[in-house]
Amino acid sequence: MLPNAAKYTKEQQAKIVANIEEYATQTAKAQVSGYEPYSWIRTVEERGATDEERYAYITAKTLISLAKGTKDANGKTISGSKKVAAINSLKQAGYNDAMAKELYKLFG
């Protein structure tokens, strides 16, 4: 069902599917009414993405949202560690360094 789904954990796959469904629902509502979709959906729409690019954007948004930062001894997230984890997650999924950083700017 998902291209390259083997690269992702079951949690990531489920969240990607949920975000695809959310994207479809919100864009459909926006087309027939004055509904304003979430900002990440507007970002994808504004880029005039093809279906393949939409999938890549939604996947990237998902991986970024699931990334977890490193905690310090007090249980607080160390500044910048979530960004590092998100970019590493994108690179592990096959995005190059420049693209991973650009996607983080869009969706991080």
PDB file of N, CA and C in Angstrom:
ATOM      1  N   MET A   1       0.821  -1.192   0.000  1.00  0.00           N
ATOM      2  CA  MET A   1       0.000   0.000   0.000  1.00  0.00           C
ATOM      3  C   MET A   1       0.870   1.262   0.000  1.00  0.00           C
ATOM      4  N   LEU A   2       1.933   1.293   0.782  1.00  0.00           N
ATOM      5  CA  LEU A   2       2.816   2.459   0.800  1.00  0.00           C
ATOM      6  C   LEU A   2       4.083   2.153   0.017  1.00  0.00           C
ATOM      7  N   PRO A   3       4.473   3.035  -0.892  1.00  0.00           N
ATOM      8  CA  PRO A   3       5.768   2.831  -1.551  1.00  0.00           C
ATOM      9  C   PRO A   3       6.873   2.837  -0.504  1.00  0.00           C
ATOM     10  N   ASN A   4       7.828   1.917  -0.634  1.00  0.00           N
ATOM     11  CA  ASN A   4       8.961   1.832   0.288  1.00  0.00           C
ATOM     12  C   ASN A   4       8.544   1.669   1.746  1.00  0.00           C
ATOM     13  N   ALA A   5       7.403   1.086   1.986  1.00  0.00           N
ATOM     14  CA  ALA A   5       6.894   0.955   3.350  1.00  0.00           C
ATOM     15  C   ALA A   5       7.838   0.166   4.252  1.00  0.00           C
ATOM     16  N   ALA A   6       8.666  -0.695   3.677  1.00  0.00           N
ATOM     17  CA  ALA A   6       9.584  -1.500   4.479  1.00  0.00           C
ATOM     18  C   ALA A   6      10.605  -0.636   5.216  1.00  0.00           C
ATOM     19  N   LYS A   7      10.826   0.590   4.769  1.00  0.00           N
ATOM     20  CA  LYS A   7      11.785   1.491   5.427  1.00  0.00           C
ATOM     21  C   LYS A   7      11.251   2.007   6.760  1.00  0.00           C
ATOM     22  N   TYR A   8       9.957   1.909   6.979  1.00  0.00           N
ATOM     23  CA  TYR A   8       9.334   2.568   8.119  1.00  0.00           C
ATOM     24  C   TYR A   8       8.810   1.563   9.140  1.00  0.00           C
ATOM     25  N   THR A   9       8.799   1.987  10.404  1.00  0.00           N
ATOM     26  CA  THR A   9       8.229   1.145  11.454  1.00  0.00           C
ATOM     27  C   THR A   9       6.715   1.099  11.276  1.00  0.00           C
ATOM     28  N   LYS A  10       6.080   0.188  11.968  1.00  0.00           N
ATOM     29  CA  LYS A  10       4.616   0.107  11.899  1.00  0.00           C
ATOM     30  C   LYS A  10       3.976   1.399  12.404  1.00  0.00           C
ATOM     31  N   GLU A  11       4.568   1.990  13.457  1.00  0.00           N
ATOM     32  CA  GLU A  11       4.055   3.262  13.972  1.00  0.00           C
ATOM     33  C   GLU A  11       4.151   4.353  12.904  1.00  0.00           C
ATOM     34  N   GLN A  12       5.295   4.414  12.221  1.00  0.00           N
ATOM     35  CA  GLN A  12       5.470   5.410  11.170  1.00  0.00           C
ATOM     36  C   GLN A  12       4.493   5.173  10.025  1.00  0.00           C
ATOM     37  N   GLN A  13       4.331   3.909   9.618  1.00  0.00           N
ATOM     38  CA  GLN A  13       3.400   3.589   8.542  1.00  0.00           C
ATOM     39  C   GLN A  13       1.974   4.010   8.898  1.00  0.00           C
ATOM     40  N   ALA A  14       1.566   3.714  10.120  1.00  0.00           N
ATOM     41  CA  ALA A  14       0.210   4.066  10.554  1.00  0.00           C
ATOM     42  C   ALA A  14       0.017   5.582  10.554  1.00  0.00           C
ATOM     43  N   LYS A  15       1.018   6.307  11.020  1.00  0.00           N
ATOM     44  CA  LYS A  15       0.918   7.766  11.068  1.00  0.00           C
ATOM     45  C   LYS A  15       0.942   8.367   9.665  1.00  0.00           C
ATOM     46  N   ILE A  16       1.727   7.784   8.761  1.00  0.00           N
ATOM     47  CA  ILE A  16       1.740   8.247   7.370  1.00  0.00           C
ATOM     48  C   ILE A  16       0.351   8.082   6.765  1.00  0.00           C
ATOM     49  N   VAL A  17      -0.255   6.927   6.963  1.00  0.00           N
ATOM     50  CA  VAL A  17      -1.604   6.689   6.437  1.00  0.00           C
ATOM     51  C   VAL A  17      -2.598   7.679   7.047  1.00  0.00           C
ATOM     52  N   ALA A  18      -2.506   7.899   8.362  1.00  0.00           N
ATOM     53  CA  ALA A  18      -3.407   8.850   9.022  1.00  0.00           C
ATOM     54  C   ALA A  18      -3.224  10.256   8.451  1.00  0.00           C
ATOM     55  N   ASN A  19      -1.990  10.653   8.190  1.00  0.00           N
ATOM     56  CA  ASN A  19      -1.745  11.985   7.627  1.00  0.00           C
ATOM     57  C   ASN A  19      -2.206  12.090   6.177  1.00  0.00           C
ATOM     58  N   ILE A  20      -2.088  11.012   5.411  1.00  0.00           N
ATOM     59  CA  ILE A  20      -2.619  11.004   4.041  1.00  0.00           C
ATOM     60  C   ILE A  20      -4.132  11.179   4.078  1.00  0.00           C
ATOM     61  N   GLU A  21      -4.787  10.456   4.981  1.00  0.00           N
ATOM     62  CA  GLU A  21      -6.247  10.583   5.116  1.00  0.00           C
ATOM     63  C   GLU A  21      -6.631  11.995   5.555  1.00  0.00           C
ATOM     64  N   GLU A  22      -5.879  12.558   6.500  1.00  0.00           N
ATOM     65  CA  GLU A  22      -6.142  13.922   6.976  1.00  0.00           C
ATOM     66  C   GLU A  22      -5.955  14.927   5.843  1.00  0.00           C
ATOM     67  N   TYR A  23      -4.916  14.737   5.063  1.00  0.00           N
ATOM     68  CA  TYR A  23      -4.648  15.608   3.920  1.00  0.00           C
ATOM     69  C   TYR A  23      -5.825  15.562   2.937  1.00  0.00           C
ATOM     70  N   ALA A  24      -6.260  14.360   2.598  1.00  0.00           N
ATOM     71  CA  ALA A  24      -7.363  14.204   1.643  1.00  0.00           C
ATOM     72  C   ALA A  24      -8.649  14.827   2.170  1.00  0.00           C
ATOM     73  N   THR A  25      -8.950  14.594   3.432  1.00  0.00           N
ATOM     74  CA  THR A  25     -10.164  15.141   4.038  1.00  0.00           C
ATOM     75  C   THR A  25     -10.136  16.661   4.045  1.00  0.00           C
ATOM     76  N   GLN A  26      -9.038  17.221   4.499  1.00  0.00           N
ATOM     77  CA  GLN A  26      -8.972  18.673   4.613  1.00  0.00           C
ATOM     78  C   GLN A  26      -8.944  19.372   3.257  1.00  0.00           C
ATOM     79  N   THR A  27      -8.250  18.808   2.282  1.00  0.00           N
ATOM     80  CA  THR A  27      -8.242  19.454   0.967  1.00  0.00           C
ATOM     81  C   THR A  27      -9.607  19.348   0.300  1.00  0.00           C
ATOM     82  N   ALA A  28     -10.312  18.238   0.515  1.00  0.00           N
ATOM     83  CA  ALA A  28     -11.669  18.106  -0.037  1.00  0.00           C
ATOM     84  C   ALA A  28     -12.609  19.137   0.588  1.00  0.00           C
ATOM     85  N   LYS A  29     -12.534  19.291   1.903  1.00  0.00           N
ATOM     86  CA  LYS A  29     -13.363  20.296   2.582  1.00  0.00           C
ATOM     87  C   LYS A  29     -13.062  21.701   2.046  1.00  0.00           C
ATOM     88  N   ALA A  30     -11.789  21.991   1.844  1.00  0.00           N
ATOM     89  CA  ALA A  30     -11.384  23.312   1.373  1.00  0.00           C
ATOM     90  C   ALA A  30     -11.891  23.588  -0.038  1.00  0.00           C
ATOM     91  N   GLN A  31     -12.003  22.542  -0.848  1.00  0.00           N
ATOM     92  CA  GLN A  31     -12.459  22.707  -2.225  1.00  0.00           C
ATOM     93  C   GLN A  31     -13.944  23.026  -2.318  1.00  0.00           C
ATOM     94  N   VAL A  32     -14.723  22.582  -1.338  1.00  0.00           N
ATOM     95  CA  VAL A  32     -16.173  22.777  -1.418  1.00  0.00           C
ATOM     96  C   VAL A  32     -16.714  23.812  -0.438  1.00  0.00           C
ATOM     97  N   SER A  33     -15.835  24.393   0.360  1.00  0.00           N
ATOM     98  CA  SER A  33     -16.295  25.370   1.342  1.00  0.00           C
ATOM     99  C   SER A  33     -15.166  26.355   1.640  1.00  0.00           C
ATOM    100  N   GLY A  34     -15.367  27.170   2.605  1.00  0.00           N
ATOM    101  CA  GLY A  34     -14.343  28.115   3.017  1.00  0.00           C
ATOM    102  C   GLY A  34     -13.413  27.546   4.076  1.00  0.00           C
ATOM    103  N   TYR A  35     -13.422  26.238   4.234  1.00  0.00           N
ATOM    104  CA  TYR A  35     -12.609  25.578   5.260  1.00  0.00           C
ATOM    105  C   TYR A  35     -11.131  25.876   5.043  1.00  0.00           C
ATOM    106  N   GLU A  36     -10.421  26.179   6.107  1.00  0.00           N
ATOM    107  CA  GLU A  36      -8.990  26.469   6.066  1.00  0.00           C
ATOM    108  C   GLU A  36      -8.220  25.259   6.604  1.00  0.00           C
ATOM    109  N   PRO A  37      -7.500  24.532   5.733  1.00  0.00           N
ATOM    110  CA  PRO A  37      -6.755  23.354   6.200  1.00  0.00           C
ATOM    111  C   PRO A  37      -5.588  23.733   7.110  1.00  0.00           C
ATOM    112  N   TYR A  38      -5.064  22.710   7.809  1.00  0.00           N
ATOM    113  CA  TYR A  38      -3.891  22.913   8.653  1.00  0.00           C
ATOM    114  C   TYR A  38      -2.768  23.563   7.839  1.00  0.00           C
ATOM    115  N   SER A  39      -1.885  24.274   8.524  1.00  0.00           N
ATOM    116  CA  SER A  39      -0.817  24.999   7.832  1.00  0.00           C
ATOM    117  C   SER A  39       0.100  24.065   7.042  1.00  0.00           C
ATOM    118  N   TRP A  40       0.391  22.863   7.569  1.00  0.00           N
ATOM    119  CA  TRP A  40       1.279  21.962   6.824  1.00  0.00           C
ATOM    120  C   TRP A  40       0.630  21.513   5.525  1.00  0.00           C
ATOM    121  N   ILE A  41      -0.682  21.385   5.522  1.00  0.00           N
ATOM    122  CA  ILE A  41      -1.401  20.994   4.306  1.00  0.00           C
ATOM    123  C   ILE A  41      -1.383  22.152   3.313  1.00  0.00           C
ATOM    124  N   ARG A  42      -1.574  23.368   3.802  1.00  0.00           N
ATOM    125  CA  ARG A  42      -1.494  24.545   2.924  1.00  0.00           C
ATOM    126  C   ARG A  42      -0.102  24.652   2.307  1.00  0.00           C
ATOM    127  N   THR A  43       0.930  24.353   3.096  1.00  0.00           N
ATOM    128  CA  THR A  43       2.305  24.397   2.590  1.00  0.00           C
ATOM    129  C   THR A  43       2.478  23.437   1.418  1.00  0.00           C
ATOM    130  N   VAL A  44       1.988  22.223   1.560  1.00  0.00           N
ATOM    131  CA  VAL A  44       2.088  21.232   0.480  1.00  0.00           C
ATOM    132  C   VAL A  44       1.302  21.715  -0.738  1.00  0.00           C
ATOM    133  N   GLU A  45       0.101  22.204  -0.529  1.00  0.00           N
ATOM    134  CA  GLU A  45      -0.739  22.677  -1.633  1.00  0.00           C
ATOM    135  C   GLU A  45      -0.090  23.860  -2.363  1.00  0.00           C
ATOM    136  N   GLU A  46       0.489  24.770  -1.620  1.00  0.00           N
ATOM    137  CA  GLU A  46       1.110  25.959  -2.214  1.00  0.00           C
ATOM    138  C   GLU A  46       2.307  25.600  -3.089  1.00  0.00           C
ATOM    139  N   ARG A  47       2.902  24.466  -2.840  1.00  0.00           N
ATOM    140  CA  ARG A  47       4.066  24.044  -3.618  1.00  0.00           C
ATOM    141  C   ARG A  47       3.661  23.408  -4.937  1.00  0.00           C
ATOM    142  N   GLY A  48       2.356  23.212  -5.172  1.00  0.00           N
ATOM    143  CA  GLY A  48       1.894  22.634  -6.426  1.00  0.00           C
ATOM    144  C   GLY A  48       2.451  21.244  -6.671  1.00  0.00           C
ATOM    145  N   ALA A  49       2.484  20.451  -5.632  1.00  0.00           N
ATOM    146  CA  ALA A  49       3.136  19.144  -5.660  1.00  0.00           C
ATOM    147  C   ALA A  49       2.380  18.123  -6.516  1.00  0.00           C
ATOM    148  N   THR A  50       3.167  17.256  -7.165  1.00  0.00           N
ATOM    149  CA  THR A  50       2.599  16.086  -7.843  1.00  0.00           C
ATOM    150  C   THR A  50       2.190  15.076  -6.766  1.00  0.00           C
ATOM    151  N   ASP A  51       1.500  14.018  -7.153  1.00  0.00           N
ATOM    152  CA  ASP A  51       1.113  12.989  -6.179  1.00  0.00           C
ATOM    153  C   ASP A  51       2.339  12.399  -5.480  1.00  0.00           C
ATOM    154  N   GLU A  52       3.384  12.126  -6.239  1.00  0.00           N
ATOM    155  CA  GLU A  52       4.604  11.556  -5.661  1.00  0.00           C
ATOM    156  C   GLU A  52       5.244  12.541  -4.675  1.00  0.00           C
ATOM    157  N   GLU A  53       5.272  13.819  -5.049  1.00  0.00           N
ATOM    158  CA  GLU A  53       5.834  14.824  -4.151  1.00  0.00           C
ATOM    159  C   GLU A  53       4.968  14.993  -2.907  1.00  0.00           C
ATOM    160  N   ARG A  54       3.649  14.918  -3.066  1.00  0.00           N
ATOM    161  CA  ARG A  54       2.760  15.002  -1.895  1.00  0.00           C
ATOM    162  C   ARG A  54       3.073  13.874  -0.918  1.00  0.00           C
ATOM    163  N   TYR A  55       3.238  12.672  -1.447  1.00  0.00           N
ATOM    164  CA  TYR A  55       3.569  11.527  -0.603  1.00  0.00           C
ATOM    165  C   TYR A  55       4.891  11.797   0.132  1.00  0.00           C
ATOM    166  N   ALA A  56       5.880  12.327  -0.591  1.00  0.00           N
ATOM    167  CA  ALA A  56       7.176  12.612   0.023  1.00  0.00           C
ATOM    168  C   ALA A  56       7.035  13.675   1.113  1.00  0.00           C
ATOM    169  N   TYR A  57       6.254  14.715   0.856  1.00  0.00           N
ATOM    170  CA  TYR A  57       6.046  15.763   1.859  1.00  0.00           C
ATOM    171  C   TYR A  57       5.313  15.223   3.085  1.00  0.00           C
ATOM    172  N   ILE A  58       4.263  14.450   2.848  1.00  0.00           N
ATOM    173  CA  ILE A  58       3.491  13.893   3.965  1.00  0.00           C
ATOM    174  C   ILE A  58       4.350  12.933   4.780  1.00  0.00           C
ATOM    175  N   THR A  59       5.146  12.131   4.099  1.00  0.00           N
ATOM    176  CA  THR A  59       6.053  11.222   4.798  1.00  0.00           C
ATOM    177  C   THR A  59       7.061  12.007   5.626  1.00  0.00           C
ATOM    178  N   ALA A  60       7.635  13.044   5.045  1.00  0.00           N
ATOM    179  CA  ALA A  60       8.602  13.864   5.773  1.00  0.00           C
ATOM    180  C   ALA A  60       7.956  14.523   6.981  1.00  0.00           C
ATOM    181  N   LYS A  61       6.779  15.084   6.811  1.00  0.00           N
ATOM    182  CA  LYS A  61       6.066  15.730   7.915  1.00  0.00           C
ATOM    183  C   LYS A  61       5.835  14.727   9.039  1.00  0.00           C
ATOM    184  N   THR A  62       5.482  13.509   8.662  1.00  0.00           N
ATOM    185  CA  THR A  62       5.227  12.454   9.643  1.00  0.00           C
ATOM    186  C   THR A  62       6.496  12.086  10.409  1.00  0.00           C
ATOM    187  N   LEU A  63       7.580  11.860   9.676  1.00  0.00           N
ATOM    188  CA  LEU A  63       8.835  11.485  10.327  1.00  0.00           C
ATOM    189  C   LEU A  63       9.316  12.584  11.271  1.00  0.00           C
ATOM    190  N   ILE A  64       9.151  13.832  10.872  1.00  0.00           N
ATOM    191  CA  ILE A  64       9.544  14.957  11.725  1.00  0.00           C
ATOM    192  C   ILE A  64       8.698  14.980  12.992  1.00  0.00           C
ATOM    193  N   SER A  65       7.395  14.792  12.836  1.00  0.00           N
ATOM    194  CA  SER A  65       6.513  14.862  14.008  1.00  0.00           C
ATOM    195  C   SER A  65       6.748  13.711  14.981  1.00  0.00           C
ATOM    196  N   LEU A  66       7.222  12.577  14.481  1.00  0.00           N
ATOM    197  CA  LEU A  66       7.471  11.420  15.348  1.00  0.00           C
ATOM    198  C   LEU A  66       8.862  11.427  15.985  1.00  0.00           C
ATOM    199  N   ALA A  67       9.758  12.276  15.500  1.00  0.00           N
ATOM    200  CA  ALA A  67      11.124  12.325  16.046  1.00  0.00           C
ATOM    201  C   ALA A  67      11.087  12.790  17.498  1.00  0.00           C
ATOM    202  N   LYS A  68      11.939  12.187  18.289  1.00  0.00           N
ATOM    203  CA  LYS A  68      12.003  12.528  19.706  1.00  0.00           C
ATOM    204  C   LYS A  68      13.394  13.038  20.044  1.00  0.00           C
ATOM    205  N   GLY A  69      13.445  14.114  20.790  1.00  0.00           N
ATOM    206  CA  GLY A  69      14.716  14.667  21.222  1.00  0.00           C
ATOM    207  C   GLY A  69      15.301  13.880  22.387  1.00  0.00           C
ATOM    208  N   THR A  70      16.574  14.093  22.640  1.00  0.00           N
ATOM    209  CA  THR A  70      17.267  13.464  23.753  1.00  0.00           C
ATOM    210  C   THR A  70      16.915  14.207  25.039  1.00  0.00           C
ATOM    211  N   LYS A  71      16.673  13.454  26.105  1.00  0.00           N
ATOM    212  CA  LYS A  71      16.333  14.046  27.406  1.00  0.00           C
ATOM    213  C   LYS A  71      17.583  14.167  28.273  1.00  0.00           C
ATOM    214  N   ASP A  72      17.616  15.215  29.087  1.00  0.00           N
ATOM    215  CA  ASP A  72      18.708  15.362  30.047  1.00  0.00           C
ATOM    216  C   ASP A  72      18.362  14.606  31.330  1.00  0.00           C
ATOM    217  N   ALA A  73      19.210  14.709  32.336  1.00  0.00           N
ATOM    218  CA  ALA A  73      19.009  13.988  33.600  1.00  0.00           C
ATOM    219  C   ALA A  73      17.714  14.382  34.309  1.00  0.00           C
ATOM    220  N   ASN A  74      17.204  15.569  34.025  1.00  0.00           N
ATOM    221  CA  ASN A  74      15.960  16.045  34.640  1.00  0.00           C
ATOM    222  C   ASN A  74      14.724  15.733  33.804  1.00  0.00           C
ATOM    223  N   GLY A  75      14.924  15.037  32.693  1.00  0.00           N
ATOM    224  CA  GLY A  75      13.796  14.673  31.845  1.00  0.00           C
ATOM    225  C   GLY A  75      13.389  15.742  30.850  1.00  0.00           C
ATOM    226  N   LYS A  76      14.162  16.807  30.747  1.00  0.00           N
ATOM    227  CA  LYS A  76      13.872  17.878  29.786  1.00  0.00           C
ATOM    228  C   LYS A  76      14.589  17.577  28.482  1.00  0.00           C
ATOM    229  N   THR A  77      13.919  17.917  27.384  1.00  0.00           N
ATOM    230  CA  THR A  77      14.527  17.707  26.075  1.00  0.00           C
ATOM    231  C   THR A  77      15.692  18.671  25.886  1.00  0.00           C
ATOM    232  N   ILE A  78      16.814  18.130  25.456  1.00  0.00           N
ATOM    233  CA  ILE A  78      18.004  18.937  25.217  1.00  0.00           C
ATOM    234  C   ILE A  78      17.764  19.791  23.975  1.00  0.00           C
ATOM    235  N   SER A  79      18.046  21.079  24.103  1.00  0.00           N
ATOM    236  CA  SER A  79      17.828  22.031  23.016  1.00  0.00           C
ATOM    237  C   SER A  79      18.497  21.555  21.722  1.00  0.00           C
ATOM    238  N   GLY A  80      17.723  21.540  20.646  1.00  0.00           N
ATOM    239  CA  GLY A  80      18.239  21.165  19.338  1.00  0.00           C
ATOM    240  C   GLY A  80      18.254  19.681  19.056  1.00  0.00           C
ATOM    241  N   SER A  81      18.022  18.847  20.074  1.00  0.00           N
ATOM    242  CA  SER A  81      18.136  17.401  19.856  1.00  0.00           C
ATOM    243  C   SER A  81      16.984  16.826  19.044  1.00  0.00           C
ATOM    244  N   LYS A  82      15.790  17.421  19.147  1.00  0.00           N
ATOM    245  CA  LYS A  82      14.663  16.947  18.326  1.00  0.00           C
ATOM    246  C   LYS A  82      14.933  17.236  16.851  1.00  0.00           C
ATOM    247  N   LYS A  83      15.491  18.396  16.574  1.00  0.00           N
ATOM    248  CA  LYS A  83      15.836  18.755  15.195  1.00  0.00           C
ATOM    249  C   LYS A  83      16.846  17.759  14.631  1.00  0.00           C
ATOM    250  N   VAL A  84      17.875  17.450  15.405  1.00  0.00           N
ATOM    251  CA  VAL A  84      18.894  16.493  14.975  1.00  0.00           C
ATOM    252  C   VAL A  84      18.247  15.130  14.713  1.00  0.00           C
ATOM    253  N   ALA A  85      17.378  14.691  15.620  1.00  0.00           N
ATOM    254  CA  ALA A  85      16.707  13.401  15.464  1.00  0.00           C
ATOM    255  C   ALA A  85      15.817  13.397  14.230  1.00  0.00           C
ATOM    256  N   ALA A  86      15.106  14.492  13.997  1.00  0.00           N
ATOM    257  CA  ALA A  86      14.214  14.580  12.835  1.00  0.00           C
ATOM    258  C   ALA A  86      15.009  14.528  11.538  1.00  0.00           C
ATOM    259  N   ILE A  87      16.080  15.294  11.461  1.00  0.00           N
ATOM    260  CA  ILE A  87      16.898  15.298  10.248  1.00  0.00           C
ATOM    261  C   ILE A  87      17.537  13.931  10.025  1.00  0.00           C
ATOM    262  N   ASN A  88      18.005  13.289  11.080  1.00  0.00           N
ATOM    263  CA  ASN A  88      18.564  11.938  10.956  1.00  0.00           C
ATOM    264  C   ASN A  88      17.511  10.944  10.481  1.00  0.00           C
ATOM    265  N   SER A  89      16.293  11.071  10.980  1.00  0.00           N
ATOM    266  CA  SER A  89      15.199  10.193  10.560  1.00  0.00           C
ATOM    267  C   SER A  89      14.912  10.375   9.070  1.00  0.00           C
ATOM    268  N   LEU A  90      14.912  11.611   8.612  1.00  0.00           N
ATOM    269  CA  LEU A  90      14.687  11.888   7.189  1.00  0.00           C
ATOM    270  C   LEU A  90      15.816  11.305   6.338  1.00  0.00           C
ATOM    271  N   LYS A  91      17.048  11.450   6.798  1.00  0.00           N
ATOM    272  CA  LYS A  91      18.183  10.913   6.049  1.00  0.00           C
ATOM    273  C   LYS A  91      18.135   9.391   6.000  1.00  0.00           C
ATOM    274  N   GLN A  92      17.735   8.757   7.106  1.00  0.00           N
ATOM    275  CA  GLN A  92      17.601   7.293   7.115  1.00  0.00           C
ATOM    276  C   GLN A  92      16.516   6.837   6.142  1.00  0.00           C
ATOM    277  N   ALA A  93      15.518   7.690   5.921  1.00  0.00           N
ATOM    278  CA  ALA A  93      14.439   7.357   4.994  1.00  0.00           C
ATOM    279  C   ALA A  93      14.845   7.564   3.536  1.00  0.00           C
ATOM    280  N   GLY A  94      16.028   8.159   3.312  1.00  0.00           N
ATOM    281  CA  GLY A  94      16.517   8.307   1.947  1.00  0.00           C
ATOM    282  C   GLY A  94      16.617   9.732   1.437  1.00  0.00           C
ATOM    283  N   TYR A  95      16.215  10.699   2.243  1.00  0.00           N
ATOM    284  CA  TYR A  95      16.371  12.096   1.835  1.00  0.00           C
ATOM    285  C   TYR A  95      17.837  12.480   2.016  1.00  0.00           C
ATOM    286  N   ASN A  96      18.406  13.264   1.072  1.00  0.00           N
ATOM    287  CA  ASN A  96      19.784  13.711   1.256  1.00  0.00           C
ATOM    288  C   ASN A  96      19.821  14.804   2.323  1.00  0.00           C
ATOM    289  N   ASP A  97      21.017  15.183   2.752  1.00  0.00           N
ATOM    290  CA  ASP A  97      21.177  16.130   3.850  1.00  0.00           C
ATOM    291  C   ASP A  97      20.494  17.466   3.560  1.00  0.00           C
ATOM    292  N   ALA A  98      20.716  18.011   2.379  1.00  0.00           N
ATOM    293  CA  ALA A  98      20.128  19.312   2.028  1.00  0.00           C
ATOM    294  C   ALA A  98      18.603  19.242   2.027  1.00  0.00           C
ATOM    295  N   MET A  99      18.056  18.171   1.451  1.00  0.00           N
ATOM    296  CA  MET A  99      16.597  18.020   1.397  1.00  0.00           C
ATOM    297  C   MET A  99      16.031  17.818   2.796  1.00  0.00           C
ATOM    298  N   ALA A 100      16.708  17.032   3.619  1.00  0.00           N
ATOM    299  CA  ALA A 100      16.243  16.797   4.989  1.00  0.00           C
ATOM    300  C   ALA A 100      16.169  18.119   5.757  1.00  0.00           C
ATOM    301  N   LYS A 101      17.180  18.954   5.604  1.00  0.00           N
ATOM    302  CA  LYS A 101      17.184  20.255   6.292  1.00  0.00           C
ATOM    303  C   LYS A 101      16.092  21.169   5.756  1.00  0.00           C
ATOM    304  N   GLU A 102      15.882  21.163   4.451  1.00  0.00           N
ATOM    305  CA  GLU A 102      14.815  21.972   3.856  1.00  0.00           C
ATOM    306  C   GLU A 102      13.433  21.511   4.328  1.00  0.00           C
ATOM    307  N   LEU A 103      13.235  20.206   4.367  1.00  0.00           N
ATOM    308  CA  LEU A 103      11.953  19.673   4.844  1.00  0.00           C
ATOM    309  C   LEU A 103      11.732  20.007   6.316  1.00  0.00           C
ATOM    310  N   TYR A 104      12.792  19.986   7.095  1.00  0.00           N
ATOM    311  CA  TYR A 104      12.652  20.360   8.509  1.00  0.00           C
ATOM    312  C   TYR A 104      12.240  21.823   8.626  1.00  0.00           C
ATOM    313  N   LYS A 105      12.790  22.677   7.775  1.00  0.00           N
ATOM    314  CA  LYS A 105      12.382  24.094   7.780  1.00  0.00           C
ATOM    315  C   LYS A 105      10.891  24.234   7.467  1.00  0.00           C
ATOM    316  N   LEU A 106      10.399  23.403   6.558  1.00  0.00           N
ATOM    317  CA  LEU A 106       8.984  23.466   6.179  1.00  0.00           C
ATOM    318  C   LEU A 106       8.050  22.927   7.254  1.00  0.00           C
ATOM    319  N   PHE A 107       8.417  21.802   7.854  1.00  0.00           N
ATOM    320  CA  PHE A 107       7.494  21.066   8.715  1.00  0.00           C
ATOM    321  C   PHE A 107       7.942  20.909  10.168  1.00  0.00           C
ATOM    322  N   GLY A 108       9.144  21.379  10.501  1.00  0.00           N
ATOM    323  CA  GLY A 108       9.682  21.175  11.847  1.00  0.00           C
ATOM    324  C   GLY A 108       9.132  22.147  12.864  1.00  0.00           C
TER     325      GLY A 108
END
